Amino acid sequence: MSIFSEKLGKIAQENESRIVLALDLSLSSKEKDFKKKLLEKAQKVLNDVRDHVAGIKINFQLLLPLGLFDELRFLIQTTTSYGIPLIMDCKLNDVEHTNEWTARHIFDAGFGALIANPFVGFRGGLDSVFSVAEEYGGGVILLVYMSHSGADEGYGQRVIYENDFRWQYEVFAEKAKSWGAEGVVVGATQPKIIERVSQILDGKIPIFSPGIGFQGGLISEAFRAGTSYAIVGRTIYQSENPKKSAKEIKDKINEVIR
């Protein structure tokens, strides 16, 4: 178990929460002082929900305008000071040397884990990412099945694997085990796939599920199928009261898992 997984489990227990907040706030770059406004908005949401989440996930909506070692570092420092683990949702998917330096920069910046796409493969692809993650005590979370409607075009394909026809997501779930992933992503919009992936992982690797709320995923279906953590974004940060919304979602999840 990585340092990232230990921290995630610790905060999840302390805050009694299985929520990873997707802090995917965005503002037009044409707006005056948009970087300052974006950072202030993100900081406010973080401060509001800090006691009701287990982790924070950051995507390109903040990474691109704020910069990994520029304004974004202030948000990273705040999150780290709260003891909340950070996940970079870069869906890393490149060749070995590019992946290595991308991962190294991400972990140097203060992230505890990153999300990678297993389509690129291990040898000459993600092998360097897993090596760097181990060096930093970080985690690699693999995309097994996404939450949007077109995910079946890739992750839902039937493929030939070890002389047999398999679903692509089943193959990726098995690779998560053999590669030593610290988590997998399966959309909350696909409870049957969550259940199948959970069977393959045998409870040894946590499942992170985006898509609850705006994309139609249901807390009850996802967690009963085997979800470990709900990745929730717009339902919380677009709410008039993010703190209240986060607590309500946390309580609903706890009702199901208890």
Protein backbone atom coordinates (compact mmCIF):
# COMPACT_ATOMS: atom_id res chain seq x y z
CA MET A 1 0.00 0.00 0.00
CA SER A 2 1.33 3.43 -0.99
CA ILE A 3 1.55 6.54 1.18
CA PHE A 4 -1.28 7.93 -0.96
CA SER A 5 -3.61 5.02 -0.14
CA GLU A 6 -2.79 5.27 3.56
CA LYS A 7 -3.60 8.99 3.60
CA LEU A 8 -6.80 8.49 1.62
CA GLY A 9 -8.00 5.78 3.98
CA LYS A 10 -7.08 7.87 7.03
CA ILE A 11 -8.97 10.98 5.88
CA ALA A 12 -11.92 8.88 4.70
CA GLN A 13 -12.19 7.45 8.20
CA GLU A 14 -11.69 10.77 10.00
CA ASN A 15 -14.21 12.64 7.85
CA GLU A 16 -16.51 9.61 7.50
CA SER A 17 -16.52 10.32 3.79
CA ARG A 18 -16.16 8.39 0.54
CA ILE A 19 -16.23 11.52 -1.62
CA VAL A 20 -13.40 12.62 -3.88
CA LEU A 21 -14.23 16.17 -4.91
CA ALA A 22 -13.62 16.84 -8.60
CA LEU A 23 -12.55 20.46 -8.38
CA ASP A 24 -13.17 21.11 -12.08
CA LEU A 25 -14.01 24.80 -11.86
CA SER A 26 -13.50 26.89 -14.96
CA LEU A 27 -13.57 30.51 -16.13
CA SER A 28 -13.05 32.05 -19.56
CA SER A 29 -9.49 33.22 -20.13
CA LYS A 30 -11.00 36.36 -21.66
CA GLU A 31 -12.40 37.42 -18.30
CA LYS A 32 -10.41 40.07 -16.45
CA ASP A 33 -8.19 38.65 -13.68
CA PHE A 34 -9.55 35.19 -14.49
CA LYS A 35 -6.62 33.38 -12.85
CA LYS A 36 -7.10 35.20 -9.56
CA LYS A 37 -10.87 34.68 -9.63
CA LEU A 38 -10.51 31.01 -10.51
CA LEU A 39 -8.02 30.37 -7.72
CA GLU A 40 -10.15 32.23 -5.16
CA LYS A 41 -13.26 30.32 -6.21
CA ALA A 42 -11.47 26.97 -5.96
CA GLN A 43 -10.00 27.88 -2.55
CA LYS A 44 -13.45 28.83 -1.25
CA VAL A 45 -15.05 25.56 -2.34
CA LEU A 46 -12.15 23.61 -0.84
CA ASN A 47 -12.46 25.43 2.47
CA ASP A 48 -16.22 24.88 2.53
CA VAL A 49 -16.11 21.10 1.98
CA ARG A 50 -12.80 20.11 3.61
CA ASP A 51 -14.52 18.22 6.47
CA HIS A 52 -16.78 16.23 4.14
CA VAL A 53 -14.38 14.78 1.56
CA ALA A 54 -11.70 12.10 1.49
CA GLY A 55 -9.75 13.45 -1.46
CA ILE A 56 -9.49 16.15 -4.10
CA LYS A 57 -9.18 15.51 -7.84
CA ILE A 58 -7.82 18.22 -10.12
CA ASN A 59 -8.26 18.19 -13.89
CA PHE A 60 -7.16 20.33 -16.83
CA GLN A 61 -9.78 22.98 -15.95
CA LEU A 62 -7.43 24.20 -13.20
CA LEU A 63 -4.12 22.80 -14.41
CA LEU A 64 -4.02 24.66 -17.73
CA PRO A 65 -4.90 28.20 -16.59
CA LEU A 66 -3.19 28.08 -13.18
CA GLY A 67 -0.06 26.10 -14.05
CA LEU A 68 1.39 23.19 -12.08
CA PHE A 69 4.11 25.29 -10.41
CA ASP A 70 2.42 28.67 -10.67
CA GLU A 71 -0.92 29.72 -9.11
CA LEU A 72 -2.02 26.11 -8.70
CA ARG A 73 0.71 25.59 -6.11
CA PHE A 74 -1.26 27.72 -3.63
CA LEU A 75 -4.28 25.41 -3.92
CA ILE A 76 -2.00 22.39 -3.59
CA GLN A 77 -0.43 23.85 -0.44
CA THR A 78 -3.84 24.51 1.11
CA THR A 79 -5.08 21.00 0.34
CA THR A 80 -1.88 19.46 1.67
CA SER A 81 -2.11 21.50 4.89
CA TYR A 82 -5.53 19.94 5.50
CA GLY A 83 -4.02 16.47 5.07
CA ILE A 84 -6.29 15.76 2.11
CA PRO A 85 -4.68 13.66 -0.65
CA LEU A 86 -4.61 15.05 -4.18
CA ILE A 87 -5.24 13.18 -7.41
CA MET A 88 -4.16 14.57 -10.78
CA ASP A 89 -6.66 13.55 -13.43
CA CYS A 90 -4.37 13.84 -16.44
CA LYS A 91 -5.39 10.49 -17.97
CA LEU A 92 -1.75 9.96 -18.81
CA ASN A 93 -1.37 8.15 -22.11
CA ASP A 94 1.99 8.59 -23.84
CA VAL A 95 5.34 6.92 -24.42
CA GLU A 96 7.73 6.01 -21.61
CA HIS A 97 10.05 9.03 -21.40
CA THR A 98 7.19 11.55 -21.69
CA ASN A 99 5.15 9.65 -19.10
CA GLU A 100 8.12 9.51 -16.74
CA TRP A 101 8.67 13.26 -16.70
CA THR A 102 4.97 14.05 -16.56
CA ALA A 103 4.61 11.80 -13.52
CA ARG A 104 7.73 13.20 -11.88
CA HIS A 105 6.51 16.80 -12.23
CA ILE A 106 3.08 15.86 -10.88
CA PHE A 107 4.48 14.15 -7.79
CA ASP A 108 7.06 16.93 -7.27
CA ALA A 109 4.19 19.42 -7.24
CA GLY A 110 2.56 17.63 -4.31
CA PHE A 111 0.06 15.22 -5.82
CA GLY A 112 -0.32 11.82 -4.23
CA ALA A 113 -1.72 9.97 -7.24
CA LEU A 114 -2.44 10.35 -10.93
CA ILE A 115 -4.92 8.79 -13.31
CA ALA A 116 -3.51 6.97 -16.33
CA ASN A 117 -5.02 5.33 -19.40
CA PRO A 118 -4.11 1.63 -19.75
CA PHE A 119 -4.68 1.72 -23.53
CA VAL A 120 -1.05 2.81 -23.94
CA GLY A 121 0.18 -0.48 -22.44
CA PHE A 122 2.86 -1.20 -19.86
CA ARG A 123 6.20 -1.86 -21.60
CA GLY A 124 7.49 1.42 -22.98
CA GLY A 125 4.32 3.11 -21.82
CA LEU A 126 3.13 3.10 -18.21
CA ASP A 127 6.04 1.13 -16.76
CA SER A 128 7.89 4.39 -16.08
CA VAL A 129 4.83 5.88 -14.38
CA PHE A 130 4.55 3.00 -11.94
CA SER A 131 8.30 3.21 -11.22
CA VAL A 132 8.14 6.94 -10.48
CA ALA A 133 5.01 6.50 -8.36
CA GLU A 134 6.74 3.84 -6.26
CA GLU A 135 9.72 6.16 -5.80
CA TYR A 136 7.45 8.90 -4.41
CA GLY A 137 5.08 6.66 -2.46
CA GLY A 138 2.38 7.71 -4.88
CA GLY A 139 -0.43 5.87 -6.56
CA VAL A 140 -1.45 5.13 -10.13
CA ILE A 141 -5.19 4.91 -10.78
CA LEU A 142 -6.18 3.26 -14.06
CA LEU A 143 -9.14 4.14 -16.27
CA VAL A 144 -11.18 0.96 -16.64
CA TYR A 145 -14.49 2.40 -17.84
CA MET A 146 -15.45 6.06 -18.13
CA SER A 147 -18.80 7.62 -17.24
CA HIS A 148 -19.84 9.26 -20.53
CA SER A 149 -22.19 7.71 -23.10
CA GLY A 150 -19.49 7.03 -25.69
CA ALA A 151 -17.25 5.02 -23.34
CA ASP A 152 -18.49 1.78 -24.89
CA GLU A 153 -16.66 2.64 -28.13
CA GLY A 154 -13.34 1.99 -26.41
CA TYR A 155 -13.65 0.54 -22.93
CA GLY A 156 -16.71 -1.51 -23.92
CA GLN A 157 -15.18 -3.20 -26.94
CA ARG A 158 -14.94 -6.96 -27.32
CA VAL A 159 -11.28 -7.86 -27.76
CA ILE A 160 -9.21 -11.00 -28.17
CA TYR A 161 -7.15 -11.49 -25.04
CA GLU A 162 -5.16 -14.65 -24.30
CA ASN A 163 -6.95 -16.49 -27.14
CA ASP A 164 -10.40 -15.63 -25.86
CA PHE A 165 -13.00 -12.92 -26.47
CA ARG A 166 -13.21 -10.54 -23.50
CA TRP A 167 -14.63 -7.15 -22.68
CA GLN A 168 -11.93 -4.48 -22.79
CA TYR A 169 -12.80 -3.27 -19.28
CA GLU A 170 -12.32 -6.80 -17.90
CA VAL A 171 -8.84 -6.91 -19.40
CA PHE A 172 -7.99 -3.49 -17.92
CA ALA A 173 -9.25 -4.56 -14.50
CA GLU A 174 -6.97 -7.59 -14.61
CA LYS A 175 -4.05 -5.40 -15.66
CA ALA A 176 -4.75 -3.12 -12.70
CA LYS A 177 -4.09 -6.13 -10.47
CA SER A 178 -0.99 -7.35 -12.28
CA TRP A 179 0.55 -3.86 -12.67
CA GLY A 180 -0.03 -2.88 -9.05
CA ALA A 181 -2.51 -0.03 -9.48
CA GLU A 182 -3.74 1.76 -6.34
CA GLY A 183 -7.21 2.24 -7.80
CA VAL A 184 -9.38 2.05 -10.90
CA VAL A 185 -11.97 4.38 -12.39
CA VAL A 186 -15.35 2.96 -13.40
CA GLY A 187 -18.24 5.33 -14.11
CA ALA A 188 -21.12 5.36 -11.63
CA THR A 189 -23.37 5.31 -14.69
CA GLN A 190 -22.38 1.65 -15.22
CA PRO A 191 -23.36 -0.31 -12.07
CA LYS A 192 -23.24 -3.70 -13.83
CA ILE A 193 -19.70 -3.00 -14.99
CA ILE A 194 -18.75 -1.81 -11.50
CA GLU A 195 -20.04 -5.11 -10.15
CA ARG A 196 -18.04 -7.15 -12.69
CA VAL A 197 -14.85 -5.14 -12.10
CA SER A 198 -15.32 -5.50 -8.35
CA GLN A 199 -15.48 -9.29 -8.79
CA ILE A 200 -12.23 -9.26 -10.77
CA LEU A 201 -10.46 -7.02 -8.25
CA ASP A 202 -11.76 -9.12 -5.34
CA GLY A 203 -11.96 -6.09 -3.05
CA LYS A 204 -8.19 -5.56 -3.19
CA ILE A 205 -8.17 -2.38 -5.30
CA PRO A 206 -10.59 0.53 -4.67
CA ILE A 207 -13.01 1.65 -7.38
CA PHE A 208 -13.40 5.40 -7.97
CA SER A 209 -16.68 6.28 -9.68
CA PRO A 210 -17.39 9.59 -11.41
CA GLY A 211 -20.75 10.47 -12.91
CA ILE A 212 -23.00 10.75 -9.84
CA GLY A 213 -25.45 13.62 -10.19
CA PHE A 214 -25.13 15.49 -13.48
CA GLN A 215 -24.42 12.37 -15.55
CA GLY A 216 -27.17 10.34 -13.93
CA GLY A 217 -25.21 7.93 -11.76
CA LEU A 218 -26.96 6.88 -8.54
CA ILE A 219 -25.22 6.57 -5.18
CA SER A 220 -27.21 3.52 -4.14
CA GLU A 221 -26.57 1.57 -7.35
CA ALA A 222 -22.89 2.43 -7.56
CA PHE A 223 -21.96 1.59 -3.96
CA ARG A 224 -24.05 -1.56 -3.83
CA ALA A 225 -22.27 -2.67 -6.99
CA GLY A 226 -18.83 -2.17 -5.43
CA THR A 227 -17.80 1.48 -5.70
CA SER A 228 -15.31 2.53 -3.01
CA TYR A 229 -15.22 6.30 -3.61
CA ALA A 230 -17.58 8.61 -5.49
CA ILE A 231 -15.93 11.29 -7.61
CA VAL A 232 -18.34 14.22 -7.43
CA GLY A 233 -17.86 17.63 -9.02
CA ARG A 234 -20.62 19.85 -10.36
CA THR A 235 -23.26 18.62 -7.93
CA ILE A 236 -21.12 20.10 -5.16
CA TYR A 237 -19.22 23.07 -6.55
CA GLN A 238 -22.13 24.43 -8.62
CA SER A 239 -24.44 24.22 -5.61
CA GLU A 240 -25.52 27.39 -3.82
CA ASN A 241 -24.17 25.75 -0.66
CA PRO A 242 -21.28 23.38 -1.48
CA LYS A 243 -20.76 22.45 2.18
CA LYS A 244 -24.38 21.41 2.62
CA SER A 245 -24.40 19.49 -0.68
CA ALA A 246 -21.19 17.64 0.20
CA LYS A 247 -22.56 16.65 3.60
CA GLU A 248 -25.84 15.45 2.09
CA ILE A 249 -24.00 13.28 -0.42
CA LYS A 250 -21.68 11.98 2.29
CA ASP A 251 -24.65 11.03 4.46
CA LYS A 252 -26.41 9.28 1.58
CA ILE A 253 -23.29 7.23 0.84
CA ASN A 254 -22.91 6.29 4.49
CA GLU A 255 -26.53 5.13 4.63
CA VAL A 256 -25.84 2.75 1.74
CA ILE A 257 -22.51 1.34 2.92
CA ARG A 258 -23.72 0.82 6.47
